[in-house]
């Protein structure tokens, strides 16, 4: 009896594996929704000795890549209503700040306690086939995104050392990637160096590409952040490099 609790979020999941009586098989760990890491999870699960049941909360569309991958590989997957999980937490006096690791552990415990009541996920064959295709395409697009971002960061380490530390890259709430947007707008050092430093920062904040109100809010920065940005530009020693994105 092995319960695999999965707390799903956008683009990644946190996995915890338990046996009865709280025996920890694997402490919580992250898995990105890309083919390589999902296959790594599959390899890990196949090495375990015992019946495996995977439990996850329904999270709109975010759980689909993980769910379809596991079902394709023959695993028992139970998708639980978030309300049922909330009631389970309440009944077991699980309170306090929630984290992905704590949630995955709670979900794994839910799988142990409700083992014989877990319902295997099933859906209409045509819908399931479409979800399976969409899940594959999503994992493929996420893999390309991660690889492109890694290549971009590698280039920036050479051409703009230290610049990436000034940006929180992918923002799940807004769906914006400030680092990529910055490089797209200021793709050559001449664009930066032809301006006064204060003018450059103002251009970054108010340039036409950020006219959208919601996006504009994301790019507002404090005076302290402005000073850091100016300092970083002043410290740049490699100039005249074209960044290809």
Protein backbone atom coordinates (compact mmCIF):
# COMPACT_ATOMS: atom_id res chain seq x y z
CA UNK A 1 0.00 0.00 0.00
CA UNK A 2 1.79 3.11 -1.29
CA UNK A 3 0.07 6.48 -1.48
CA UNK A 4 1.49 9.12 -3.80
CA UNK A 5 0.19 12.56 -2.85
CA UNK A 6 0.59 15.24 -5.51
CA UNK A 7 0.02 18.95 -4.92
CA UNK A 8 -0.36 20.44 -8.39
CA UNK A 9 0.37 24.02 -9.42
CA UNK A 10 1.03 25.78 -12.70
CA UNK A 11 3.87 24.06 -14.54
CA UNK A 12 5.02 21.89 -11.63
CA UNK A 13 3.90 19.53 -8.89
CA UNK A 14 5.13 18.61 -5.42
CA UNK A 15 5.12 14.88 -4.74
CA UNK A 16 5.13 13.02 -1.41
CA UNK A 17 5.14 9.20 -1.12
CA UNK A 18 3.92 7.48 2.04
CA UNK A 19 3.14 4.02 3.40
CA UNK A 20 0.72 3.25 6.26
CA UNK A 21 1.47 4.47 9.79
CA UNK A 22 3.24 7.56 8.47
CA UNK A 23 6.20 5.70 6.96
CA UNK A 24 7.90 8.10 4.55
CA UNK A 25 9.02 6.53 1.28
CA UNK A 26 10.02 9.86 -0.29
CA UNK A 27 9.92 13.27 1.34
CA UNK A 28 8.20 16.00 -0.73
CA UNK A 29 10.05 16.92 -3.94
CA UNK A 30 9.24 19.00 -7.02
CA UNK A 31 8.55 17.69 -10.50
CA UNK A 32 8.27 20.07 -13.46
CA UNK A 33 5.59 19.24 -16.02
CA UNK A 34 8.12 18.38 -18.71
CA UNK A 35 8.60 14.96 -20.30
CA UNK A 36 12.04 14.30 -18.81
CA UNK A 37 11.04 14.95 -15.20
CA UNK A 38 7.73 13.10 -15.50
CA UNK A 39 9.58 10.11 -16.88
CA UNK A 40 11.93 10.36 -13.91
CA UNK A 41 8.91 10.18 -11.58
CA UNK A 42 7.67 7.13 -13.50
CA UNK A 43 11.07 5.44 -13.09
CA UNK A 44 10.99 6.13 -9.34
CA UNK A 45 7.49 4.73 -8.88
CA UNK A 46 8.27 1.56 -10.83
CA UNK A 47 11.09 0.77 -8.40
CA UNK A 48 8.68 0.71 -5.45
CA UNK A 49 7.38 -2.60 -4.14
CA UNK A 50 3.65 -2.59 -3.50
CA UNK A 51 0.33 -1.38 -4.89
CA UNK A 52 0.50 2.30 -5.82
CA UNK A 53 -2.36 4.76 -5.83
CA UNK A 54 -1.88 8.37 -6.88
CA UNK A 55 -4.03 11.08 -5.32
CA UNK A 56 -4.30 14.70 -6.43
CA UNK A 57 -6.75 17.57 -6.09
CA UNK A 58 -8.77 18.81 -9.04
CA UNK A 59 -7.18 22.14 -10.00
CA UNK A 60 -9.02 23.30 -13.09
CA UNK A 61 -6.59 22.50 -15.92
CA UNK A 62 -3.27 22.49 -14.06
CA UNK A 63 -3.50 18.85 -12.96
CA UNK A 64 -4.20 17.56 -16.49
CA UNK A 65 -0.56 17.13 -17.67
CA UNK A 66 0.35 15.10 -14.57
CA UNK A 67 -2.91 13.15 -14.56
CA UNK A 68 -2.81 12.19 -18.24
CA UNK A 69 0.86 11.19 -18.07
CA UNK A 70 0.31 8.89 -15.09
CA UNK A 71 -2.85 7.37 -16.55
CA UNK A 72 -1.07 6.75 -19.84
CA UNK A 73 1.51 4.78 -17.89
CA UNK A 74 -1.08 2.63 -16.17
CA UNK A 75 -1.24 4.14 -12.69
CA UNK A 76 -4.33 4.27 -10.50
CA UNK A 77 -5.12 8.00 -10.31
CA UNK A 78 -7.78 9.48 -8.06
CA UNK A 79 -8.71 13.13 -8.58
CA UNK A 80 -10.28 14.47 -5.38
CA UNK A 81 -12.65 17.39 -5.00
CA UNK A 82 -10.84 20.24 -3.18
CA UNK A 83 -13.79 20.53 -0.76
CA UNK A 84 -13.30 16.90 0.33
CA UNK A 85 -9.61 17.62 0.94
CA UNK A 86 -10.48 20.73 2.93
CA UNK A 87 -12.85 18.70 5.12
CA UNK A 88 -10.13 16.07 5.61
CA UNK A 89 -7.71 18.75 6.80
CA UNK A 90 -10.37 20.13 9.16
CA UNK A 91 -11.21 16.70 10.60
CA UNK A 92 -7.53 16.01 11.24
CA UNK A 93 -6.85 19.42 12.79
CA UNK A 94 -4.38 20.32 10.04
CA UNK A 95 -3.99 24.06 10.35
CA UNK A 96 -1.41 26.78 9.87
CA UNK A 97 0.34 28.15 6.82
CA UNK A 98 -0.02 26.00 3.74
CA UNK A 99 2.96 25.08 1.62
CA UNK A 100 3.29 22.78 -1.38
CA UNK A 101 5.26 20.27 0.72
CA UNK A 102 2.69 20.22 3.52
CA UNK A 103 -0.16 19.92 1.03
CA UNK A 104 1.44 16.98 -0.79
CA UNK A 105 1.99 15.21 2.56
CA UNK A 106 -1.64 15.81 3.54
CA UNK A 107 -2.85 14.47 0.19
CA UNK A 108 -0.69 11.36 0.58
CA UNK A 109 -2.16 10.81 4.07
CA UNK A 110 -5.63 11.22 2.57
CA UNK A 111 -4.78 8.41 0.15
CA UNK A 112 -3.76 6.10 3.01
CA UNK A 113 -6.82 6.84 5.15
CA UNK A 114 -9.30 6.65 2.25
CA UNK A 115 -7.49 3.84 0.41
CA UNK A 116 -10.49 1.56 -0.07
CA UNK A 117 -12.82 4.44 -0.91
CA UNK A 118 -10.63 6.07 -3.55
CA UNK A 119 -12.31 6.24 -6.94
CA UNK A 120 -10.22 5.78 -10.02
CA UNK A 121 -10.50 8.69 -12.41
CA UNK A 122 -12.39 7.87 -15.57
CA UNK A 123 -13.74 10.01 -18.36
CA UNK A 124 -15.33 9.85 -21.75
CA UNK A 125 -12.93 8.17 -24.20
CA UNK A 126 -13.05 10.98 -26.75
CA UNK A 127 -12.58 13.65 -24.11
CA UNK A 128 -9.81 11.64 -22.50
CA UNK A 129 -8.04 11.22 -25.85
CA UNK A 130 -8.20 14.98 -26.40
CA UNK A 131 -6.92 15.68 -22.88
CA UNK A 132 -4.10 13.22 -23.45
CA UNK A 133 -3.08 15.04 -26.61
CA UNK A 134 -3.33 18.45 -24.93
CA UNK A 135 -1.32 17.16 -21.97
CA UNK A 136 1.47 16.02 -24.29
CA UNK A 137 1.50 19.31 -26.16
CA UNK A 138 1.54 21.27 -22.90
CA UNK A 139 4.50 19.26 -21.56
CA UNK A 140 6.31 19.80 -24.85
CA UNK A 141 5.68 23.58 -24.81
CA UNK A 142 6.82 23.78 -21.17
CA UNK A 143 10.01 21.93 -22.08
CA UNK A 144 10.72 24.43 -24.88
CA UNK A 145 9.97 27.35 -22.53
CA UNK A 146 12.35 26.07 -19.84
CA UNK A 147 15.10 25.37 -22.38
CA UNK A 148 14.72 28.80 -24.02
CA UNK A 149 14.83 30.53 -20.65
CA UNK A 150 17.98 28.61 -19.68
CA UNK A 151 19.65 29.63 -22.95
CA UNK A 152 18.63 33.25 -22.41
CA UNK A 153 20.07 33.25 -18.88
CA UNK A 154 23.30 31.71 -20.17
CA UNK A 155 23.65 34.51 -22.75
CA UNK A 156 22.87 37.16 -20.13
CA UNK A 157 25.54 35.76 -17.80
CA UNK A 158 28.03 36.62 -20.55
CA UNK A 159 26.62 39.83 -21.95
CA UNK A 160 24.88 41.43 -18.94
CA UNK A 161 26.45 39.84 -15.85
CA UNK A 162 24.27 40.33 -12.78
CA UNK A 163 21.23 41.71 -14.63
CA UNK A 164 19.03 38.65 -14.06
CA UNK A 165 19.27 39.07 -10.27
CA UNK A 166 17.22 42.27 -10.60
CA UNK A 167 14.20 40.49 -12.02
CA UNK A 168 11.82 37.86 -10.75
CA UNK A 169 11.44 35.97 -13.97
CA UNK A 170 8.16 34.15 -14.59
CA UNK A 171 5.25 35.70 -12.68
CA UNK A 172 2.48 33.09 -12.31
CA UNK A 173 -0.11 35.67 -11.29
CA UNK A 174 0.36 37.98 -14.27
CA UNK A 175 1.67 35.49 -16.80
CA UNK A 176 4.49 37.94 -17.57
CA UNK A 177 8.21 37.29 -17.82
CA UNK A 178 9.97 40.55 -16.93
CA UNK A 179 13.44 39.28 -17.79
CA UNK A 180 12.44 38.24 -21.32
CA UNK A 181 10.48 41.47 -21.84
CA UNK A 182 13.49 43.51 -20.72
CA UNK A 183 15.80 41.77 -23.18
CA UNK A 184 13.25 42.10 -25.99
CA UNK A 185 13.02 45.86 -25.44
CA UNK A 186 16.70 46.55 -24.69
CA UNK A 187 18.31 43.96 -26.97
CA UNK A 188 21.55 45.91 -27.54
CA UNK A 189 23.75 47.88 -25.17
CA UNK A 190 23.64 50.91 -27.49
CA UNK A 191 19.93 51.26 -26.69
CA UNK A 192 20.82 51.56 -23.02
CA UNK A 193 24.06 53.53 -23.28
CA UNK A 194 22.69 56.21 -25.62
CA UNK A 195 20.45 57.40 -22.76
CA UNK A 196 21.13 59.10 -19.47
CA UNK A 197 20.76 56.52 -16.70
CA UNK A 198 17.72 58.19 -15.16
CA UNK A 199 16.15 58.51 -18.61
CA UNK A 200 16.83 54.84 -19.26
CA UNK A 201 15.01 53.76 -16.11
CA UNK A 202 12.06 56.00 -16.96
CA UNK A 203 12.00 54.54 -20.47
CA UNK A 204 11.93 51.04 -19.01
CA UNK A 205 8.95 51.88 -16.80
CA UNK A 206 6.86 53.94 -19.21
CA UNK A 207 7.78 52.80 -22.74
CA UNK A 208 4.92 52.06 -25.09
CA UNK A 209 5.27 48.29 -24.79
CA UNK A 210 3.89 48.51 -21.24
CA UNK A 211 0.80 50.61 -21.95
CA UNK A 212 -1.49 47.82 -20.82
CA UNK A 213 -2.66 48.85 -17.33
CA UNK A 214 -2.27 45.45 -15.68
CA UNK A 215 1.14 44.92 -17.22
CA UNK A 216 2.19 48.46 -16.34
CA UNK A 217 1.60 47.72 -12.66
CA UNK A 218 3.98 44.78 -12.87
CA UNK A 219 6.77 47.08 -14.07
CA UNK A 220 6.48 49.80 -11.46
CA UNK A 221 9.61 49.80 -9.28
CA UNK A 222 10.61 51.48 -6.04
CA UNK A 223 13.40 54.03 -5.69
CA UNK A 224 15.57 51.34 -4.11
CA UNK A 225 15.01 48.98 -7.04
CA UNK A 226 15.71 51.88 -9.41
CA UNK A 227 19.07 52.49 -7.69
CA UNK A 228 19.96 48.80 -8.03
CA UNK A 229 19.08 48.86 -11.73
CA UNK A 230 21.19 51.98 -12.33
CA UNK A 231 24.10 50.47 -10.39
CA UNK A 232 23.95 47.27 -12.42
CA UNK A 233 24.00 49.17 -15.72
CA UNK A 234 26.95 51.26 -14.51
CA UNK A 235 28.86 48.08 -13.65
CA UNK A 236 28.43 46.54 -17.11
CA UNK A 237 31.82 46.08 -18.73
CA UNK A 238 30.94 44.07 -21.84
CA UNK A 239 29.41 46.36 -24.49
CA UNK A 240 28.28 46.17 -28.08
CA UNK A 241 26.95 42.62 -27.74
CA UNK A 242 23.77 41.73 -29.61
CA UNK A 243 21.45 39.46 -27.65
CA UNK A 244 19.54 37.04 -29.85
CA UNK A 245 16.21 35.85 -28.46
